[in-house]
Amino acid sequence: MGWTPLNLAVQASIPPRSGRRWPSRFSRRLYRQRHTVENFFARIKRYRRIATRYEKLANHYLGFPLLAAILAELKSGV
């Protein structure tokens, strides 16, 4: 059996729309963390080699996301 959001007790971290009559609750901290992670993956997907996975062997491929992550962090100045 595979994993599903129900199996892992995943909580949604999407803010409600401003015009809702009864806005749903969400965690700003969790939303901010999710946004940071999504931006990170957007930065490393700029490297075409990672997005298209040129490497056939897993151990060769896994080095490139690590390299892209390091380069993305160096460019962002964090």
Protein backbone atom coordinates (compact mmCIF):
# COMPACT_ATOMS: atom_id res chain seq x y z
CA MET A 1 0.00 0.00 0.00
CA GLY A 2 1.35 3.43 -0.94
CA TRP A 3 1.32 6.58 1.09
CA THR A 4 -1.52 9.04 0.98
CA PRO A 5 -2.01 12.39 2.74
CA LEU A 6 -4.55 10.69 5.02
CA ASN A 7 -2.01 8.08 6.14
CA LEU A 8 0.53 10.73 7.09
CA ALA A 9 -1.88 13.19 8.79
CA VAL A 10 -0.84 15.97 6.41
CA GLN A 11 -2.17 19.43 7.13
CA ALA A 12 -3.00 21.86 4.34
CA SER A 13 -1.05 25.11 4.46
CA ILE A 14 -2.93 27.19 1.92
CA PRO A 15 -4.28 30.56 3.05
CA PRO A 16 -8.00 31.19 2.56
CA ARG A 17 -9.23 33.64 -0.04
CA SER A 18 -9.89 37.12 1.27
CA GLY A 19 -13.55 37.15 0.22
CA ARG A 20 -14.64 33.99 2.05
CA ARG A 21 -17.47 34.36 4.48
CA TRP A 22 -15.93 31.89 6.95
CA PRO A 23 -12.18 31.73 6.39
CA SER A 24 -10.51 28.42 7.11
CA ARG A 25 -7.61 28.21 9.54
CA PHE A 26 -4.03 27.83 8.40
CA SER A 27 -0.57 28.16 9.88
CA ARG A 28 1.42 31.15 8.62
CA ARG A 29 4.65 29.53 9.81
CA LEU A 30 3.91 26.31 7.91
CA TYR A 31 2.86 28.29 4.83
CA ARG A 32 6.12 30.29 4.92
CA GLN A 33 8.19 27.11 5.19
CA ARG A 34 6.28 25.51 2.31
CA HIS A 35 6.83 28.60 0.18
CA THR A 36 10.57 28.52 0.91
CA VAL A 37 10.82 24.87 -0.14
CA GLU A 38 8.84 25.48 -3.34
CA ASN A 39 11.08 28.40 -4.26
CA PHE A 40 14.16 26.27 -3.67
CA PHE A 41 12.92 23.57 -6.04
CA ALA A 42 12.03 26.21 -8.63
CA ARG A 43 15.63 27.48 -8.45
CA ILE A 44 17.24 24.07 -8.91
CA LYS A 45 14.89 23.15 -11.76
CA ARG A 46 16.51 25.90 -13.79
CA TYR A 47 19.37 23.50 -14.35
CA ARG A 48 18.27 21.52 -17.38
CA ARG A 49 20.32 18.48 -16.53
CA ILE A 50 18.29 17.98 -13.35
CA ALA A 51 14.90 18.65 -14.91
CA THR A 52 15.47 16.18 -17.76
CA ARG A 53 17.66 13.64 -15.89
CA TYR A 54 20.33 12.93 -18.47
CA GLU A 55 22.20 10.52 -16.23
CA LYS A 56 21.08 6.89 -16.37
CA LEU A 57 22.58 5.64 -13.11
CA ALA A 58 21.08 6.82 -9.84
CA ASN A 59 24.40 7.42 -8.12
CA HIS A 60 25.56 9.66 -10.99
CA TYR A 61 22.26 11.56 -11.07
CA LEU A 62 22.12 12.26 -7.33
CA GLY A 63 25.32 14.28 -7.47
CA PHE A 64 23.80 16.88 -9.77
CA PRO A 65 20.86 17.93 -7.57
CA LEU A 66 23.35 18.35 -4.73
CA LEU A 67 25.59 20.48 -6.92
CA ALA A 68 22.61 22.52 -8.15
CA ALA A 69 21.44 23.04 -4.57
CA ILE A 70 24.85 24.32 -3.56
CA LEU A 71 25.02 26.66 -6.55
CA ALA A 72 21.48 27.92 -5.97
CA GLU A 73 22.25 28.71 -2.34
CA LEU A 74 25.49 30.45 -3.25
CA LYS A 75 23.71 32.58 -5.86
CA SER A 76 20.89 33.49 -3.47
CA GLY A 77 23.37 34.80 -0.92
CA VAL A 78 21.98 32.81 2.01
